[in-house]
N, C-alpha and C. Protein backbone atom coordinates (compact mmCIF):
# COMPACT_ATOMS: atom_id res chain seq x y z
N UNK A 1 238.94 -24.00 -31.48
CA UNK A 1 239.23 -24.15 -30.06
C UNK A 1 239.18 -22.56 -29.50
N UNK A 2 239.73 -21.81 -30.37
CA UNK A 2 239.93 -20.12 -30.07
C UNK A 2 238.23 -19.66 -30.01
N UNK A 3 237.44 -20.14 -30.68
CA UNK A 3 236.24 -19.61 -30.83
C UNK A 3 235.33 -20.09 -29.70
N UNK A 4 235.53 -21.43 -29.12
CA UNK A 4 234.56 -21.67 -28.11
C UNK A 4 235.05 -21.09 -26.83
N UNK A 5 236.54 -21.18 -26.60
CA UNK A 5 237.02 -20.27 -25.33
C UNK A 5 236.67 -18.91 -25.38
N UNK A 6 236.49 -18.06 -26.53
CA UNK A 6 236.27 -16.77 -26.44
C UNK A 6 234.80 -16.75 -25.96
N UNK A 7 233.65 -17.52 -26.49
CA UNK A 7 232.44 -17.55 -26.22
C UNK A 7 232.19 -18.07 -24.87
N UNK A 8 232.94 -18.81 -24.18
CA UNK A 8 232.74 -19.43 -23.07
C UNK A 8 233.33 -17.87 -21.75
N UNK A 9 234.23 -17.45 -22.29
CA UNK A 9 234.72 -16.05 -21.64
C UNK A 9 233.76 -14.92 -21.60
N UNK A 10 232.91 -14.84 -22.92
CA UNK A 10 232.05 -13.75 -22.70
C UNK A 10 230.70 -14.13 -22.03
N UNK A 11 230.35 -15.35 -21.80
CA UNK A 11 229.13 -15.58 -21.11
C UNK A 11 229.85 -15.77 -19.69
N UNK A 12 231.14 -16.21 -19.04
CA UNK A 12 231.26 -15.82 -17.89
C UNK A 12 231.14 -14.45 -17.49
N UNK A 13 231.64 -13.58 -18.52
CA UNK A 13 231.77 -12.23 -18.27
C UNK A 13 230.27 -11.51 -17.84
N UNK A 14 229.48 -12.00 -19.06
CA UNK A 14 227.95 -11.70 -18.72
C UNK A 14 227.53 -12.29 -17.63
N UNK A 15 227.71 -13.46 -17.24
CA UNK A 15 227.19 -14.04 -16.01
C UNK A 15 227.68 -13.45 -14.65
N UNK A 16 228.95 -13.01 -14.88
CA UNK A 16 229.63 -12.27 -13.38
C UNK A 16 229.13 -10.62 -13.22
N UNK A 17 228.49 -10.22 -14.54
CA UNK A 17 228.02 -8.79 -14.30
C UNK A 17 226.87 -8.96 -13.65
N UNK A 18 226.59 -7.94 -12.39
CA UNK A 18 225.64 -7.66 -11.69
C UNK A 18 224.18 -7.50 -12.63
N UNK A 19 223.28 -8.16 -12.44
CA UNK A 19 222.00 -7.74 -13.22
C UNK A 19 221.46 -6.36 -12.95
N UNK A 20 221.21 -5.75 -14.13
CA UNK A 20 220.78 -4.20 -13.87
C UNK A 20 219.50 -4.13 -12.81
N UNK A 21 218.67 -3.24 -12.55
CA UNK A 21 217.69 -2.89 -11.32
C UNK A 21 216.52 -3.58 -12.45
N UNK A 22 216.31 -3.33 -13.48
CA UNK A 22 215.27 -3.91 -14.58
C UNK A 22 215.40 -5.38 -14.71
N UNK A 23 216.35 -6.04 -14.71
CA UNK A 23 216.32 -7.41 -14.98
C UNK A 23 216.33 -8.05 -13.52
N UNK A 24 216.81 -7.65 -12.75
CA UNK A 24 216.84 -7.80 -11.27
C UNK A 24 215.31 -7.99 -10.88
N UNK A 25 214.50 -6.84 -11.18
CA UNK A 25 213.08 -6.80 -10.82
C UNK A 25 212.40 -8.05 -11.61
N UNK A 26 212.85 -8.28 -12.72
CA UNK A 26 212.06 -9.29 -13.39
C UNK A 26 212.78 -10.79 -13.40
N UNK A 27 213.59 -10.71 -12.45
CA UNK A 27 214.20 -12.26 -12.01
C UNK A 27 214.97 -12.95 -13.43
N UNK A 28 215.63 -11.99 -13.99
CA UNK A 28 216.19 -12.27 -15.40
C UNK A 28 217.57 -12.20 -15.34
N UNK A 29 218.55 -12.92 -16.10
CA UNK A 29 219.85 -12.46 -16.34
C UNK A 29 220.17 -11.44 -17.28
N UNK A 30 220.67 -10.28 -16.83
CA UNK A 30 220.99 -9.31 -17.41
C UNK A 30 222.04 -9.49 -18.85
N UNK A 31 221.35 -9.28 -20.08
CA UNK A 31 222.22 -9.56 -21.22
C UNK A 31 223.12 -8.50 -21.38
N UNK A 32 223.99 -8.56 -22.54
CA UNK A 32 225.12 -7.45 -22.88
C UNK A 32 224.16 -6.47 -23.61
N UNK A 33 223.08 -6.96 -24.21
CA UNK A 33 222.57 -5.57 -25.03
C UNK A 33 221.31 -5.56 -24.28
N UNK A 34 221.19 -5.49 -23.13
CA UNK A 34 219.98 -4.87 -22.37
C UNK A 34 220.03 -3.52 -22.38
N UNK A 35 218.52 -3.00 -22.87
CA UNK A 35 218.68 -1.45 -23.50
C UNK A 35 218.48 -0.61 -22.08
N UNK A 36 218.00 -1.29 -20.94
CA UNK A 36 217.79 -0.62 -19.99
C UNK A 36 219.10 -0.53 -18.81
N UNK A 37 219.68 -1.37 -19.03
CA UNK A 37 221.02 -1.70 -18.05
C UNK A 37 221.84 -0.16 -17.84
N UNK A 38 222.09 0.59 -18.97
CA UNK A 38 222.92 1.86 -18.60
C UNK A 38 222.17 2.79 -17.93
N UNK A 39 220.85 2.89 -17.50
CA UNK A 39 219.90 3.74 -16.99
C UNK A 39 219.58 3.28 -15.67
N UNK A 40 219.67 1.94 -15.36
CA UNK A 40 219.28 1.40 -14.15
C UNK A 40 220.30 0.21 -13.56
N UNK A 41 221.39 0.80 -13.09
CA UNK A 41 222.37 -0.15 -12.49
C UNK A 41 221.52 -0.94 -11.31
N UNK A 42 222.17 -1.92 -10.74
CA UNK A 42 221.67 -2.68 -9.81
C UNK A 42 221.65 -1.85 -8.48
N UNK A 43 222.48 -1.02 -8.31
CA UNK A 43 222.53 -0.26 -6.96
C UNK A 43 221.23 0.82 -6.87
N UNK A 44 220.47 1.04 -8.19
CA UNK A 44 219.52 2.19 -8.17
C UNK A 44 218.14 1.47 -8.38
N UNK A 45 217.93 0.72 -7.32
CA UNK A 45 216.49 -0.24 -7.66
C UNK A 45 215.50 0.79 -7.22
N UNK A 46 215.57 1.68 -6.45
CA UNK A 46 214.45 2.54 -6.26
C UNK A 46 214.03 3.40 -7.46
N UNK A 47 214.96 3.99 -8.20
CA UNK A 47 214.96 4.76 -9.11
C UNK A 47 214.20 3.98 -10.35
N UNK A 48 214.63 2.63 -10.58
CA UNK A 48 213.72 1.86 -11.57
C UNK A 48 212.58 1.62 -11.16
N UNK A 49 211.94 1.23 -9.72
CA UNK A 49 210.66 1.01 -9.23
C UNK A 49 210.08 2.06 -9.58
N UNK A 50 210.34 3.36 -9.31
CA UNK A 50 209.55 4.50 -9.76
C UNK A 50 209.36 4.79 -11.23
N UNK A 51 210.17 4.55 -12.28
CA UNK A 51 209.94 4.54 -13.44
C UNK A 51 208.83 3.16 -13.88
N UNK A 52 209.22 2.09 -13.37
CA UNK A 52 208.58 0.93 -13.68
C UNK A 52 206.92 1.08 -13.21
N UNK A 53 206.53 1.91 -12.17
CA UNK A 53 205.13 2.26 -11.69
C UNK A 53 204.48 2.99 -12.79
N UNK A 54 205.21 4.18 -13.12
CA UNK A 54 204.57 5.06 -13.86
C UNK A 54 204.42 4.41 -15.50
N UNK A 55 205.76 3.90 -16.01
CA UNK A 55 205.65 3.48 -17.52
C UNK A 55 205.57 1.89 -17.59
N UNK A 56 206.35 1.29 -16.81
CA UNK A 56 206.32 -0.26 -17.07
C UNK A 56 207.42 -0.33 -17.92
N UNK A 57 208.24 -1.63 -17.75
CA UNK A 57 209.30 -2.17 -18.42
C UNK A 57 208.99 -2.34 -19.77
N UNK A 58 207.88 -2.61 -20.24
CA UNK A 58 207.66 -2.67 -21.91
C UNK A 58 207.75 -1.48 -22.67
N UNK A 59 206.95 -0.48 -22.10
CA UNK A 59 206.76 0.80 -22.44
C UNK A 59 208.19 1.48 -22.50
N UNK A 60 209.04 1.47 -21.48
CA UNK A 60 210.26 2.14 -21.36
C UNK A 60 211.17 1.54 -22.47
N UNK A 61 210.79 -0.05 -22.53
CA UNK A 61 211.98 -0.52 -24.00
C UNK A 61 211.37 -0.07 -25.22
N UNK A 62 209.96 -0.01 -25.31
CA UNK A 62 209.46 0.36 -26.69
C UNK A 62 210.10 1.81 -27.01
N UNK A 63 209.79 2.63 -25.90
CA UNK A 63 210.17 4.11 -26.29
C UNK A 63 211.54 4.14 -26.72
N UNK A 64 212.49 3.46 -26.14
CA UNK A 64 213.88 3.46 -26.38
C UNK A 64 214.14 2.80 -27.62
N UNK A 65 213.36 1.80 -28.02
CA UNK A 65 213.84 1.14 -29.07
C UNK A 65 213.05 1.79 -30.44
N UNK A 66 212.19 2.85 -30.39
CA UNK A 66 211.64 3.53 -31.25
C UNK A 66 212.57 4.76 -31.67
N UNK A 67 213.38 5.09 -30.81
CA UNK A 67 214.34 6.45 -30.94
C UNK A 67 215.64 5.88 -31.33
N UNK A 68 216.45 7.02 -32.01
CA UNK A 68 217.66 6.79 -32.40
C UNK A 68 218.48 6.70 -31.09
N UNK A 69 219.54 5.98 -31.06
CA UNK A 69 220.28 5.42 -29.87
C UNK A 69 220.78 6.67 -29.27
N UNK A 70 221.27 7.93 -30.13
CA UNK A 70 221.82 9.00 -29.63
C UNK A 70 220.77 9.63 -28.66
N UNK A 71 219.53 9.48 -28.89
CA UNK A 71 218.34 10.30 -28.04
C UNK A 71 217.97 9.21 -26.77
N UNK A 72 218.51 8.27 -26.68
CA UNK A 72 218.06 7.42 -25.81
C UNK A 72 218.23 7.89 -24.29
N UNK A 73 219.58 8.18 -24.10
CA UNK A 73 219.97 8.92 -22.66
C UNK A 73 218.99 10.25 -22.15
N UNK A 74 218.59 10.98 -23.17
CA UNK A 74 217.86 12.33 -22.94
C UNK A 74 216.39 11.69 -22.68
N UNK A 75 216.02 10.75 -23.43
CA UNK A 75 214.44 10.02 -23.21
C UNK A 75 214.42 9.50 -21.72
N UNK A 76 215.38 8.75 -21.42
CA UNK A 76 215.59 8.23 -19.92
C UNK A 76 215.68 9.16 -19.05
N UNK A 77 216.56 10.14 -19.03
CA UNK A 77 216.50 11.31 -18.35
C UNK A 77 215.19 11.91 -18.15
N UNK A 78 214.42 11.93 -19.05
CA UNK A 78 213.02 12.59 -18.98
C UNK A 78 212.21 11.82 -18.32
N UNK A 79 212.08 10.23 -18.57
CA UNK A 79 211.16 9.44 -18.03
C UNK A 79 211.56 9.47 -16.45
N UNK A 80 212.76 9.31 -16.13
CA UNK A 80 213.18 9.12 -14.69
C UNK A 80 212.58 10.28 -13.91
N UNK A 81 212.76 11.54 -14.40
CA UNK A 81 212.54 12.72 -13.82
C UNK A 81 210.75 12.72 -13.71
N UNK A 82 210.13 12.41 -14.63
CA UNK A 82 208.61 12.54 -14.51
C UNK A 82 208.28 11.45 -13.67
N UNK A 83 209.08 10.13 -13.39
CA UNK A 83 208.54 9.34 -12.53
C UNK A 83 208.84 9.77 -10.93
N UNK A 84 210.10 10.56 -10.93
CA UNK A 84 210.44 11.07 -9.40
C UNK A 84 209.18 12.03 -9.27
N UNK A 85 209.09 12.86 -10.11
CA UNK A 85 208.03 14.20 -9.55
C UNK A 85 206.75 13.49 -9.50
N UNK A 86 206.45 12.33 -10.28
CA UNK A 86 205.36 12.00 -9.99
C UNK A 86 204.94 11.18 -8.58
N UNK A 87 206.16 10.59 -8.22
CA UNK A 87 206.38 9.96 -6.84
C UNK A 87 205.95 10.83 -5.75
N UNK A 88 206.66 12.18 -5.98
CA UNK A 88 206.73 13.07 -4.93
C UNK A 88 205.08 13.73 -5.03
N UNK A 89 204.56 14.05 -6.01
CA UNK A 89 203.31 14.66 -6.26
C UNK A 89 202.43 13.79 -7.21
N UNK A 90 201.85 12.85 -6.77
CA UNK A 90 200.96 11.85 -7.46
C UNK A 90 199.95 12.43 -8.01
N UNK A 91 199.20 13.62 -7.96
CA UNK A 91 198.15 14.12 -8.47
C UNK A 91 198.55 15.02 -9.57
N UNK A 92 199.66 16.01 -9.18
CA UNK A 92 199.99 16.96 -10.08
C UNK A 92 201.05 16.71 -11.16
N UNK A 93 202.07 15.94 -10.45
CA UNK A 93 203.26 15.56 -11.32
C UNK A 93 203.89 16.86 -11.84
N UNK A 94 204.45 16.43 -13.22
CA UNK A 94 205.44 17.50 -13.84
C UNK A 94 204.40 18.90 -14.18
N UNK A 95 202.93 18.46 -14.40
CA UNK A 95 201.94 19.40 -15.07
C UNK A 95 201.91 20.57 -13.88
N UNK A 96 201.93 20.24 -12.42
CA UNK A 96 202.00 21.10 -11.62
C UNK A 96 203.19 22.02 -11.37
N UNK A 97 204.27 21.53 -11.78
CA UNK A 97 205.56 22.16 -11.74
C UNK A 97 205.40 23.40 -12.91
N UNK A 98 205.21 22.66 -14.11
CA UNK A 98 205.05 23.82 -15.41
C UNK A 98 204.04 24.85 -14.82
N UNK A 99 202.66 24.28 -14.30
CA UNK A 99 201.65 25.57 -13.98
C UNK A 99 202.57 26.65 -12.82
N UNK A 100 203.13 26.16 -11.62
CA UNK A 100 203.78 26.92 -10.94
C UNK A 100 204.77 27.85 -11.48
N UNK A 101 205.39 27.43 -12.58
CA UNK A 101 206.46 28.18 -13.37
C UNK A 101 205.83 29.35 -14.10
N UNK A 102 204.82 28.77 -14.91
CA UNK A 102 204.18 29.78 -15.56
C UNK A 102 203.17 30.86 -14.71
N UNK A 103 202.95 30.38 -13.52
CA UNK A 103 202.26 31.56 -12.71
C UNK A 103 203.44 32.38 -12.43
N UNK A 104 204.88 31.88 -11.91
CA UNK A 104 205.60 32.97 -11.43
C UNK A 104 206.14 33.75 -12.56
N UNK A 105 206.12 33.27 -13.84
CA UNK A 105 206.74 34.09 -15.03
C UNK A 105 205.65 35.09 -15.27
N UNK A 106 204.29 34.84 -15.17
CA UNK A 106 203.40 36.00 -15.36
C UNK A 106 203.31 36.82 -14.33
N UNK A 107 203.71 36.41 -13.24
CA UNK A 107 203.58 37.21 -11.81
C UNK A 107 204.94 38.54 -12.06
N UNK A 108 205.95 37.77 -12.72
CA UNK A 108 207.48 38.46 -12.49
C UNK A 108 207.54 39.31 -13.95
N UNK A 109 206.85 38.86 -15.23
CA UNK A 109 206.97 39.50 -16.42
C UNK A 109 206.87 41.16 -16.48
N UNK A 110 205.87 41.62 -15.73
CA UNK A 110 205.67 43.12 -15.58
C UNK A 110 206.94 43.65 -14.82
N UNK A 111 207.26 43.20 -13.84
CA UNK A 111 208.11 43.55 -12.99
C UNK A 111 209.76 43.49 -13.77
N UNK A 112 209.74 42.53 -14.50
CA UNK A 112 210.97 42.52 -15.17
C UNK A 112 211.10 43.54 -16.40
N UNK A 113 209.90 43.73 -16.83
CA UNK A 113 209.76 44.81 -17.93
C UNK A 113 210.07 46.21 -17.19
N UNK A 114 209.60 46.41 -15.85
CA UNK A 114 209.58 47.76 -15.27
C UNK A 114 211.35 47.93 -14.90
N UNK A 115 211.81 46.68 -14.48
CA UNK A 115 213.18 46.80 -14.28
C UNK A 115 214.09 47.10 -15.34
N UNK A 116 213.70 46.53 -16.49
CA UNK A 116 214.72 46.65 -17.73
C UNK A 116 214.49 48.24 -18.17
N UNK A 117 212.98 48.54 -18.19
CA UNK A 117 212.73 50.37 -18.51
C UNK A 117 213.63 51.18 -17.58
N UNK A 118 213.78 50.73 -16.13
CA UNK A 118 214.55 51.65 -15.05
C UNK A 118 216.06 51.69 -15.45
N UNK A 119 216.49 50.39 -15.69
CA UNK A 119 217.79 50.38 -16.15
C UNK A 119 218.16 51.12 -17.41
N UNK A 120 217.14 50.96 -18.42
CA UNK A 120 217.40 51.65 -19.78
C UNK A 120 217.67 53.33 -19.40
N UNK A 121 216.44 53.83 -18.78
CA UNK A 121 216.40 55.04 -18.26
C UNK A 121 217.51 55.64 -17.54
N UNK A 122 217.96 54.81 -16.36
CA UNK A 122 219.06 55.19 -15.75
C UNK A 122 220.40 55.24 -16.28
N UNK A 123 220.72 54.18 -17.40
CA UNK A 123 221.80 54.50 -18.06
C UNK A 123 221.93 55.63 -19.35
N UNK A 124 220.69 55.83 -19.62
CA UNK A 124 220.55 56.93 -20.67
C UNK A 124 220.84 58.41 -20.05
N UNK A 125 220.52 58.32 -18.62
CA UNK A 125 220.59 59.36 -18.07
C UNK A 125 222.03 59.70 -17.28
N UNK A 126 222.86 58.65 -17.21
CA UNK A 126 223.86 58.48 -16.56
C UNK A 126 225.17 59.57 -16.63
N UNK A 127 224.99 60.21 -17.93
CA UNK A 127 225.86 61.51 -18.19
C UNK A 127 225.48 62.67 -17.39
N UNK A 128 224.25 62.92 -17.11
CA UNK A 128 223.40 63.88 -16.44
C UNK A 128 223.50 63.63 -15.21
N UNK A 129 223.23 64.70 -14.17
CA UNK A 129 223.07 64.71 -12.84
C UNK A 129 222.33 63.51 -12.25
N UNK A 130 221.56 62.73 -12.79
CA UNK A 130 220.82 61.85 -12.07
C UNK A 130 221.58 60.43 -11.62
N UNK A 131 221.62 60.36 -10.27
CA UNK A 131 222.28 59.13 -9.82
C UNK A 131 221.67 57.82 -9.85
N UNK A 132 220.38 58.10 -10.42
CA UNK A 132 219.64 56.74 -10.40
C UNK A 132 219.10 56.20 -9.17
N UNK A 133 217.74 56.43 -8.97
CA UNK A 133 217.32 56.15 -7.68
C UNK A 133 217.20 54.59 -7.47
N UNK A 134 216.64 54.36 -6.45
CA UNK A 134 216.29 52.92 -5.98
C UNK A 134 215.20 52.64 -6.93
N UNK A 135 214.83 51.25 -7.13
CA UNK A 135 214.02 50.60 -7.80
C UNK A 135 212.83 50.17 -6.87
N UNK A 136 211.54 50.45 -7.02
CA UNK A 136 210.55 50.19 -6.46
C UNK A 136 209.67 49.19 -7.05
N UNK A 137 209.30 48.11 -6.25
CA UNK A 137 208.71 46.95 -7.21
C UNK A 137 207.16 47.39 -7.66
N UNK A 138 206.67 47.28 -8.91
CA UNK A 138 205.11 47.36 -9.04
C UNK A 138 204.49 46.38 -8.09
N UNK A 139 203.23 47.03 -8.19
CA UNK A 139 202.18 46.41 -7.18
C UNK A 139 202.03 45.04 -7.34
N UNK A 140 202.02 44.32 -8.54
CA UNK A 140 202.08 43.06 -8.69
C UNK A 140 203.10 42.47 -8.21
N UNK A 141 204.31 42.88 -8.43
CA UNK A 141 205.72 42.32 -7.91
C UNK A 141 206.00 42.82 -6.65
N UNK A 142 205.16 43.35 -5.70
CA UNK A 142 205.65 43.67 -4.45
C UNK A 142 205.97 42.42 -3.45
N UNK A 143 205.20 41.26 -3.83
CA UNK A 143 205.09 39.98 -3.16
C UNK A 143 206.33 39.17 -3.69
N UNK A 144 206.96 39.45 -4.78
CA UNK A 144 208.01 38.80 -5.47
C UNK A 144 208.99 38.97 -4.46
N UNK A 145 209.71 37.74 -4.31
CA UNK A 145 211.09 37.56 -3.38
C UNK A 145 212.07 37.91 -4.50
N UNK A 146 213.38 38.13 -3.47
CA UNK A 146 214.55 38.41 -4.29
C UNK A 146 215.04 37.27 -5.09
N UNK A 147 214.62 36.15 -4.74
CA UNK A 147 215.20 34.99 -5.39
C UNK A 147 214.39 34.77 -6.69
N UNK A 148 213.02 35.13 -6.78
CA UNK A 148 212.47 35.12 -8.11
C UNK A 148 212.86 36.11 -8.92
N UNK A 149 213.40 37.10 -8.39
CA UNK A 149 213.64 38.43 -9.47
C UNK A 149 215.25 37.94 -9.68
N UNK A 150 216.17 37.22 -8.81
CA UNK A 150 217.30 36.60 -9.17
C UNK A 150 217.34 35.41 -10.17
N UNK A 151 216.18 34.86 -10.44
CA UNK A 151 216.02 33.78 -11.41
C UNK A 151 216.04 34.56 -12.77
N UNK A 152 215.78 35.70 -12.83
CA UNK A 152 215.81 36.46 -14.31
C UNK A 152 217.12 37.57 -14.46
N UNK A 153 217.80 37.11 -13.45
CA UNK A 153 219.35 37.73 -13.45
C UNK A 153 219.49 39.08 -12.58
N UNK A 154 218.71 39.33 -12.01
CA UNK A 154 218.80 40.65 -11.06
C UNK A 154 219.19 40.23 -9.34
N UNK A 155 220.58 40.59 -9.27
CA UNK A 155 220.76 40.12 -8.22
C UNK A 155 220.57 41.04 -6.83
N UNK A 156 220.40 42.39 -7.20
CA UNK A 156 219.70 43.13 -6.07
C UNK A 156 218.89 44.31 -7.00
N UNK A 157 218.19 45.03 -6.29
CA UNK A 157 216.82 45.59 -6.78
C UNK A 157 217.69 46.69 -7.65
N UNK A 158 217.14 46.68 -8.96
CA UNK A 158 217.41 47.53 -10.11
C UNK A 158 218.77 47.29 -10.64
N UNK A 159 219.41 46.35 -10.44
CA UNK A 159 221.14 46.03 -10.97
C UNK A 159 221.16 44.81 -11.89
N UNK A 160 221.40 44.81 -12.88
CA UNK A 160 221.41 43.52 -13.85
C UNK A 160 222.93 42.84 -13.65
N UNK A 161 222.69 41.59 -13.43
CA UNK A 161 224.09 40.74 -13.52
C UNK A 161 224.91 41.01 -14.66
């Protein structure tokens, strides 16, 4: 009798638990071993729909089953991010973000090098009478905003954080 009452209690607990967004979409009861439930609670239907449009339920399940369980959270985080970005930018998606960041890096690398040289020169002459002048951006970086320089740890012109 103990065994049957514990089974019915487990079935009731499973039945009372709200279906995850993936199971709700498929009109299924969410089982305790549902691999998508931790990533798509019932309250996050839109997040699931975006991921479903890009990957599909079966592909997400296959991806997670192919991985070691300790990597599932990071894999789903990545898939959800890709789906969100693809929803915002259907043509470029993550690739456009990567290209934009690479372009910013190429534009700011010469400026970073020059900032580093200026900082090194200024600190090496600190004992002399040189007070260390203001830094003037190179021609490639003259259009670079302070926010882009801040991305590399420079909070004001010529001063490292």
